[in-house]
PDB file of N, CA and C in Angstrom:
ATOM      1  N   MET A   1     -17.892 108.913 102.388  1.00  0.00           N
ATOM      2  CA  MET A   1     -18.237 109.902 103.556  1.00  0.00           C
ATOM      3  C   MET A   1     -17.271 110.934 104.328  1.00  0.00           C
ATOM      4  N   ALA A   2     -17.232 111.799 104.372  1.00  0.00           N
ATOM      5  CA  ALA A   2     -16.210 112.874 105.050  1.00  0.00           C
ATOM      6  C   ALA A   2     -16.712 112.187 106.689  1.00  0.00           C
ATOM      7  N   THR A   3     -15.221 112.549 106.787  1.00  0.00           N
ATOM      8  CA  THR A   3     -14.801 112.530 108.546  1.00  0.00           C
ATOM      9  C   THR A   3     -15.902 113.817 109.277  1.00  0.00           C
ATOM     10  N   ILE A   4     -16.338 113.532 110.008  1.00  0.00           N
ATOM     11  CA  ILE A   4     -17.217 114.144 110.816  1.00  0.00           C
ATOM     12  C   ILE A   4     -16.812 114.537 112.180  1.00  0.00           C
ATOM     13  N   ASP A   5     -16.262 115.972 112.674  1.00  0.00           N
ATOM     14  CA  ASP A   5     -15.800 116.054 114.378  1.00  0.00           C
ATOM     15  C   ASP A   5     -17.123 116.002 114.670  1.00  0.00           C
ATOM     16  N   PHE A   6     -17.444 115.240 115.749  1.00  0.00           N
ATOM     17  CA  PHE A   6     -18.394 115.017 116.620  1.00  0.00           C
ATOM     18  C   PHE A   6     -18.348 116.043 117.594  1.00  0.00           C
ATOM     19  N   PRO A   7     -18.956 116.879 118.762  1.00  0.00           N
ATOM     20  CA  PRO A   7     -18.917 116.904 119.501  1.00  0.00           C
ATOM     21  C   PRO A   7     -19.344 115.449 120.762  1.00  0.00           C
ATOM     22  N   ASP A   8     -19.035 116.181 121.876  1.00  0.00           N
ATOM     23  CA  ASP A   8     -18.763 114.515 122.805  1.00  0.00           C
ATOM     24  C   ASP A   8     -20.170 114.450 123.544  1.00  0.00           C
ATOM     25  N   ASP A   9     -20.897 116.025 123.519  1.00  0.00           N
ATOM     26  CA  ASP A   9     -22.331 115.718 123.741  1.00  0.00           C
ATOM     27  C   ASP A   9     -23.450 114.866 122.899  1.00  0.00           C
ATOM     28  N   LEU A  10     -22.549 115.086 121.794  1.00  0.00           N
ATOM     29  CA  LEU A  10     -23.655 114.084 121.042  1.00  0.00           C
ATOM     30  C   LEU A  10     -23.205 113.092 120.309  1.00  0.00           C
ATOM     31  N   ILE A  11     -22.146 112.733 120.637  1.00  0.00           N
ATOM     32  CA  ILE A  11     -21.205 111.610 121.205  1.00  0.00           C
ATOM     33  C   ILE A  11     -22.148 110.401 122.658  1.00  0.00           C
ATOM     34  N   GLN A  12     -22.333 111.375 123.465  1.00  0.00           N
ATOM     35  CA  GLN A  12     -22.632 110.591 124.330  1.00  0.00           C
ATOM     36  C   GLN A  12     -24.394 110.424 124.873  1.00  0.00           C
ATOM     37  N   LEU A  13     -25.328 110.867 123.745  1.00  0.00           N
ATOM     38  CA  LEU A  13     -25.974 111.071 123.816  1.00  0.00           C
ATOM     39  C   LEU A  13     -26.557 109.788 123.086  1.00  0.00           C
ATOM     40  N   GLU A  14     -25.666 109.825 121.644  1.00  0.00           N
ATOM     41  CA  GLU A  14     -26.334 108.598 120.964  1.00  0.00           C
ATOM     42  C   GLU A  14     -25.776 107.485 121.782  1.00  0.00           C
ATOM     43  N   ARG A  15     -24.888 107.186 122.257  1.00  0.00           N
ATOM     44  CA  ARG A  15     -23.759 105.743 123.630  1.00  0.00           C
ATOM     45  C   ARG A  15     -25.269 106.100 124.151  1.00  0.00           C
ATOM     46  N   SER A  16     -26.473 106.789 124.754  1.00  0.00           N
ATOM     47  CA  SER A  16     -27.020 106.339 126.134  1.00  0.00           C
ATOM     48  C   SER A  16     -28.120 105.439 125.204  1.00  0.00           C
ATOM     49  N   ALA A  17     -28.644 106.515 123.687  1.00  0.00           N
ATOM     50  CA  ALA A  17     -29.689 105.170 123.112  1.00  0.00           C
ATOM     51  C   ALA A  17     -29.045 104.536 122.418  1.00  0.00           C
ATOM     52  N   TRP A  18     -27.554 103.751 122.218  1.00  0.00           N
ATOM     53  CA  TRP A  18     -27.097 102.285 122.058  1.00  0.00           C
ATOM     54  C   TRP A  18     -27.310 102.034 123.098  1.00  0.00           C
ATOM     55  N   LYS A  19     -26.644 102.165 124.240  1.00  0.00           N
ATOM     56  CA  LYS A  19     -27.380 101.452 125.551  1.00  0.00           C
ATOM     57  C   LYS A  19     -28.464 100.889 125.707  1.00  0.00           C
ATOM     58  N   GLU A  20     -29.512 101.900 125.514  1.00  0.00           N
ATOM     59  CA  GLU A  20     -30.792 101.468 125.824  1.00  0.00           C
ATOM     60  C   GLU A  20     -31.482 100.511 124.485  1.00  0.00           C
ATOM     61  N   ILE A  21     -31.114 100.895 123.697  1.00  0.00           N
ATOM     62  CA  ILE A  21     -31.564  99.689 122.731  1.00  0.00           C
ATOM     63  C   ILE A  21     -31.277  98.137 122.437  1.00  0.00           C
ATOM     64  N   GLN A  22     -30.004  98.368 123.026  1.00  0.00           N
ATOM     65  CA  GLN A  22     -29.042  96.883 123.543  1.00  0.00           C
ATOM     66  C   GLN A  22     -30.224  96.179 124.439  1.00  0.00           C
ATOM     67  N   ALA A  23     -30.378  97.143 125.080  1.00  0.00           N
ATOM     68  CA  ALA A  23     -30.995  96.351 126.705  1.00  0.00           C
ATOM     69  C   ALA A  23     -33.082  96.312 126.403  1.00  0.00           C
ATOM     70  N   GLY A  24     -33.480  96.537 125.647  1.00  0.00           N
ATOM     71  CA  GLY A  24     -34.905  96.654 124.808  1.00  0.00           C
ATOM     72  C   GLY A  24     -35.438  97.834 125.786  1.00  0.00           C
ATOM     73  N   ALA A  25     -34.948  98.753 126.073  1.00  0.00           N
ATOM     74  CA  ALA A  25     -35.442  99.555 126.754  1.00  0.00           C
ATOM     75  C   ALA A  25     -34.679 100.921 126.110  1.00  0.00           C
ATOM     76  N   LEU A  26     -34.912 101.447 124.943  1.00  0.00           N
ATOM     77  CA  LEU A  26     -35.012 102.536 124.235  1.00  0.00           C
ATOM     78  C   LEU A  26     -36.158 103.630 124.169  1.00  0.00           C
ATOM     79  N   THR A  27     -36.015 104.907 125.265  1.00  0.00           N
ATOM     80  CA  THR A  27     -37.302 105.274 125.619  1.00  0.00           C
ATOM     81  C   THR A  27     -37.738 106.739 124.622  1.00  0.00           C
ATOM     82  N   VAL A  28     -38.849 107.135 124.179  1.00  0.00           N
ATOM     83  CA  VAL A  28     -39.048 108.129 123.109  1.00  0.00           C
ATOM     84  C   VAL A  28     -38.503 109.720 124.114  1.00  0.00           C
ATOM     85  N   ASP A  29     -37.979 109.444 125.168  1.00  0.00           N
ATOM     86  CA  ASP A  29     -37.509 110.677 125.603  1.00  0.00           C
ATOM     87  C   ASP A  29     -35.358 110.655 125.445  1.00  0.00           C
ATOM     88  N   THR A  30     -35.091 109.548 124.760  1.00  0.00           N
ATOM     89  CA  THR A  30     -33.577 109.292 124.680  1.00  0.00           C
ATOM     90  C   THR A  30     -33.454 109.775 122.907  1.00  0.00           C
ATOM     91  N   ALA A  31     -34.741 109.054 122.146  1.00  0.00           N
ATOM     92  CA  ALA A  31     -34.590 109.022 120.896  1.00  0.00           C
ATOM     93  C   ALA A  31     -34.881 110.513 120.202  1.00  0.00           C
ATOM     94  N   GLN A  32     -35.656 111.005 121.146  1.00  0.00           N
ATOM     95  CA  GLN A  32     -36.064 112.155 120.546  1.00  0.00           C
ATOM     96  C   GLN A  32     -34.735 113.647 121.548  1.00  0.00           C
ATOM     97  N   ALA A  33     -34.044 113.133 122.152  1.00  0.00           N
ATOM     98  CA  ALA A  33     -32.905 113.702 122.167  1.00  0.00           C
ATOM     99  C   ALA A  33     -31.735 113.654 121.224  1.00  0.00           C
ATOM    100  N   VAL A  34     -31.650 113.028 121.041  1.00  0.00           N
ATOM    101  CA  VAL A  34     -30.561 112.376 120.006  1.00  0.00           C
ATOM    102  C   VAL A  34     -30.976 112.743 118.271  1.00  0.00           C
ATOM    103  N   HIS A  35     -32.106 112.883 118.233  1.00  0.00           N
ATOM    104  CA  HIS A  35     -32.843 113.125 116.879  1.00  0.00           C
ATOM    105  C   HIS A  35     -32.275 115.231 116.707  1.00  0.00           C
ATOM    106  N   ALA A  36     -33.093 115.183 118.397  1.00  0.00           N
ATOM    107  CA  ALA A  36     -32.374 117.210 117.997  1.00  0.00           C
ATOM    108  C   ALA A  36     -31.284 117.141 118.389  1.00  0.00           C
ATOM    109  N   GLY A  37     -30.712 116.693 119.117  1.00  0.00           N
ATOM    110  CA  GLY A  37     -29.154 116.422 119.017  1.00  0.00           C
ATOM    111  C   GLY A  37     -28.445 116.630 116.964  1.00  0.00           C
ATOM    112  N   VAL A  38     -28.736 115.631 116.708  1.00  0.00           N
ATOM    113  CA  VAL A  38     -28.266 115.448 115.319  1.00  0.00           C
ATOM    114  C   VAL A  38     -29.079 117.039 114.570  1.00  0.00           C
ATOM    115  N   ALA A  39     -30.381 116.998 114.805  1.00  0.00           N
ATOM    116  CA  ALA A  39     -30.874 118.167 113.957  1.00  0.00           C
ATOM    117  C   ALA A  39     -29.732 119.820 114.064  1.00  0.00           C
ATOM    118  N   GLU A  40     -29.695 119.667 115.401  1.00  0.00           N
ATOM    119  CA  GLU A  40     -28.928 121.043 115.934  1.00  0.00           C
ATOM    120  C   GLU A  40     -27.558 121.161 115.012  1.00  0.00           C
ATOM    121  N   TYR A  41     -26.658 120.031 115.291  1.00  0.00           N
ATOM    122  CA  TYR A  41     -25.641 119.702 114.400  1.00  0.00           C
ATOM    123  C   TYR A  41     -25.460 120.349 113.391  1.00  0.00           C
ATOM    124  N   VAL A  42     -26.884 119.773 112.390  1.00  0.00           N
ATOM    125  CA  VAL A  42     -26.640 119.782 110.830  1.00  0.00           C
ATOM    126  C   VAL A  42     -26.972 121.627 110.990  1.00  0.00           C
ATOM    127  N   LYS A  43     -27.816 121.907 111.697  1.00  0.00           N
ATOM    128  CA  LYS A  43     -28.523 123.186 111.417  1.00  0.00           C
ATOM    129  C   LYS A  43     -27.171 124.500 111.514  1.00  0.00           C
ATOM    130  N   ALA A  44     -25.844 123.962 112.938  1.00  0.00           N
ATOM    131  CA  ALA A  44     -25.300 124.682 113.030  1.00  0.00           C
ATOM    132  C   ALA A  44     -23.728 124.558 111.984  1.00  0.00           C
ATOM    133  N   ALA A  45     -24.095 123.233 111.266  1.00  0.00           N
ATOM    134  CA  ALA A  45     -22.919 122.833 110.284  1.00  0.00           C
ATOM    135  C   ALA A  45     -22.801 124.006 109.076  1.00  0.00           C
ATOM    136  N   ARG A  46     -24.730 123.506 108.553  1.00  0.00           N
ATOM    137  CA  ARG A  46     -24.907 124.533 107.546  1.00  0.00           C
ATOM    138  C   ARG A  46     -24.411 125.873 107.899  1.00  0.00           C
ATOM    139  N   GLU A  47     -25.197 126.406 108.640  1.00  0.00           N
ATOM    140  CA  GLU A  47     -25.082 127.945 109.143  1.00  0.00           C
ATOM    141  C   GLU A  47     -23.727 128.306 108.791  1.00  0.00           C
ATOM    142  N   ALA A  48     -22.637 127.729 109.437  1.00  0.00           N
ATOM    143  CA  ALA A  48     -21.153 127.210 109.399  1.00  0.00           C
ATOM    144  C   ALA A  48     -20.632 127.380 107.775  1.00  0.00           C
ATOM    145  N   GLY A  49     -21.412 127.052 106.570  1.00  0.00           N
ATOM    146  CA  GLY A  49     -21.142 126.767 105.647  1.00  0.00           C
ATOM    147  C   GLY A  49     -21.074 125.808 104.875  1.00  0.00           C
ATOM    148  N   GLN A  50     -20.939 124.514 105.724  1.00  0.00           N
ATOM    149  CA  GLN A  50     -20.551 123.488 105.900  1.00  0.00           C
ATOM    150  C   GLN A  50     -21.697 122.435 104.934  1.00  0.00           C
ATOM    151  N   GLU A  51     -21.589 121.413 103.716  1.00  0.00           N
ATOM    152  CA  GLU A  51     -22.373 120.979 103.567  1.00  0.00           C
ATOM    153  C   GLU A  51     -22.201 120.023 104.010  1.00  0.00           C
ATOM    154  N   VAL A  52     -23.481 119.715 104.797  1.00  0.00           N
ATOM    155  CA  VAL A  52     -23.932 118.715 105.623  1.00  0.00           C
ATOM    156  C   VAL A  52     -25.034 118.060 105.201  1.00  0.00           C
ATOM    157  N   ALA A  53     -24.978 116.517 104.959  1.00  0.00           N
ATOM    158  CA  ALA A  53     -26.596 115.551 105.351  1.00  0.00           C
ATOM    159  C   ALA A  53     -27.104 115.056 106.307  1.00  0.00           C
ATOM    160  N   ARG A  54     -28.068 115.323 106.399  1.00  0.00           N
ATOM    161  CA  ARG A  54     -28.498 114.727 107.367  1.00  0.00           C
ATOM    162  C   ARG A  54     -28.275 113.021 108.140  1.00  0.00           C
ATOM    163  N   TYR A  55     -27.917 112.415 106.753  1.00  0.00           N
ATOM    164  CA  TYR A  55     -27.960 110.807 106.799  1.00  0.00           C
ATOM    165  C   TYR A  55     -26.837 110.900 106.851  1.00  0.00           C
ATOM    166  N   ASP A  56     -25.799 111.550 106.795  1.00  0.00           N
ATOM    167  CA  ASP A  56     -24.386 111.203 106.558  1.00  0.00           C
ATOM    168  C   ASP A  56     -23.679 111.746 108.482  1.00  0.00           C
ATOM    169  N   VAL A  57     -24.386 111.983 109.092  1.00  0.00           N
ATOM    170  CA  VAL A  57     -24.457 112.714 110.480  1.00  0.00           C
ATOM    171  C   VAL A  57     -24.335 111.346 111.054  1.00  0.00           C
ATOM    172  N   GLU A  58     -26.087 110.985 111.230  1.00  0.00           N
ATOM    173  CA  GLU A  58     -26.801 109.752 111.883  1.00  0.00           C
ATOM    174  C   GLU A  58     -25.499 108.519 111.522  1.00  0.00           C
ATOM    175  N   MET A  59     -25.247 108.575 110.289  1.00  0.00           N
ATOM    176  CA  MET A  59     -25.081 107.271 109.707  1.00  0.00           C
ATOM    177  C   MET A  59     -23.443 107.289 110.432  1.00  0.00           C
ATOM    178  N   GLY A  60     -22.193 108.039 110.716  1.00  0.00           N
ATOM    179  CA  GLY A  60     -21.055 108.603 110.688  1.00  0.00           C
ATOM    180  C   GLY A  60     -21.510 108.540 112.660  1.00  0.00           C
ATOM    181  N   LEU A  61     -22.426 108.809 113.231  1.00  0.00           N
ATOM    182  CA  LEU A  61     -22.537 109.120 114.755  1.00  0.00           C
ATOM    183  C   LEU A  61     -22.574 107.496 115.351  1.00  0.00           C
ATOM    184  N   LYS A  62     -23.502 107.022 114.164  1.00  0.00           N
ATOM    185  CA  LYS A  62     -24.113 105.313 114.915  1.00  0.00           C
ATOM    186  C   LYS A  62     -22.289 104.504 114.796  1.00  0.00           C
ATOM    187  N   GLN A  63     -22.040 105.083 113.865  1.00  0.00           N
ATOM    188  CA  GLN A  63     -20.250 104.136 113.168  1.00  0.00           C
ATOM    189  C   GLN A  63     -19.328 104.435 114.498  1.00  0.00           C
ATOM    190  N   ILE A  64     -19.594 105.859 114.954  1.00  0.00           N
ATOM    191  CA  ILE A  64     -18.427 106.354 115.811  1.00  0.00           C
ATOM    192  C   ILE A  64     -18.677 104.955 117.604  1.00  0.00           C
ATOM    193  N   VAL A  65     -20.173 105.086 117.879  1.00  0.00           N
ATOM    194  CA  VAL A  65     -20.555 104.638 118.702  1.00  0.00           C
ATOM    195  C   VAL A  65     -20.701 103.033 118.847  1.00  0.00           C
ATOM    196  N   ARG A  66     -20.918 102.656 117.593  1.00  0.00           N
ATOM    197  CA  ARG A  66     -20.964 101.236 117.606  1.00  0.00           C
ATOM    198  C   ARG A  66     -20.275 100.462 116.968  1.00  0.00           C
ATOM    199  N   HIS A  67     -19.283 101.114 116.108  1.00  0.00           N
ATOM    200  CA  HIS A  67     -18.536 100.422 115.862  1.00  0.00           C
ATOM    201  C   HIS A  67     -17.388 101.047 115.849  1.00  0.00           C
ATOM    202  N   PRO A  68     -16.585 101.668 117.201  1.00  0.00           N
ATOM    203  CA  PRO A  68     -15.424 102.743 117.153  1.00  0.00           C
ATOM    204  C   PRO A  68     -14.074 102.335 116.612  1.00  0.00           C
ATOM    205  N   ASP A  69     -14.226 100.574 116.265  1.00  0.00           N
ATOM    206  CA  ASP A  69     -12.196 100.378 115.963  1.00  0.00           C
ATOM    207  C   ASP A  69     -12.680 100.551 114.364  1.00  0.00           C
ATOM    208  N   ALA A  70     -13.705 100.577 113.536  1.00  0.00           N
ATOM    209  CA  ALA A  70     -13.909 100.724 112.199  1.00  0.00           C
ATOM    210  C   ALA A  70     -14.223 101.902 111.914  1.00  0.00           C
ATOM    211  N   ALA A  71     -14.288 102.838 113.445  1.00  0.00           N
ATOM    212  CA  ALA A  71     -14.550 104.440 112.567  1.00  0.00           C
ATOM    213  C   ALA A  71     -12.825 105.064 112.619  1.00  0.00           C
ATOM    214  N   SER A  72     -12.455 104.248 113.562  1.00  0.00           N
ATOM    215  CA  SER A  72     -11.048 105.280 113.878  1.00  0.00           C
ATOM    216  C   SER A  72      -9.849 104.951 112.408  1.00  0.00           C
ATOM    217  N   GLY A  73     -10.680 103.658 111.508  1.00  0.00           N
ATOM    218  CA  GLY A  73      -9.591 102.934 110.755  1.00  0.00           C
ATOM    219  C   GLY A  73      -9.596 103.425 109.522  1.00  0.00           C
TER     220      GLY A  73
END
């Protein structure tokens, strides 16, 4: 998977969702916000001519938030 340069707001959305997941309190609003953010990112990337798979964006974002040491190395 290629390295993806995620915007800070999308990373923050995923961090919020991860915190809620860990607390057993993920809300529909938070999940929908992450979903919409990923969809918006993928759409913008494709419009800019980048070949981006939604799956790669979702997994890359989770990697950065949930396993930051592994993502940086």
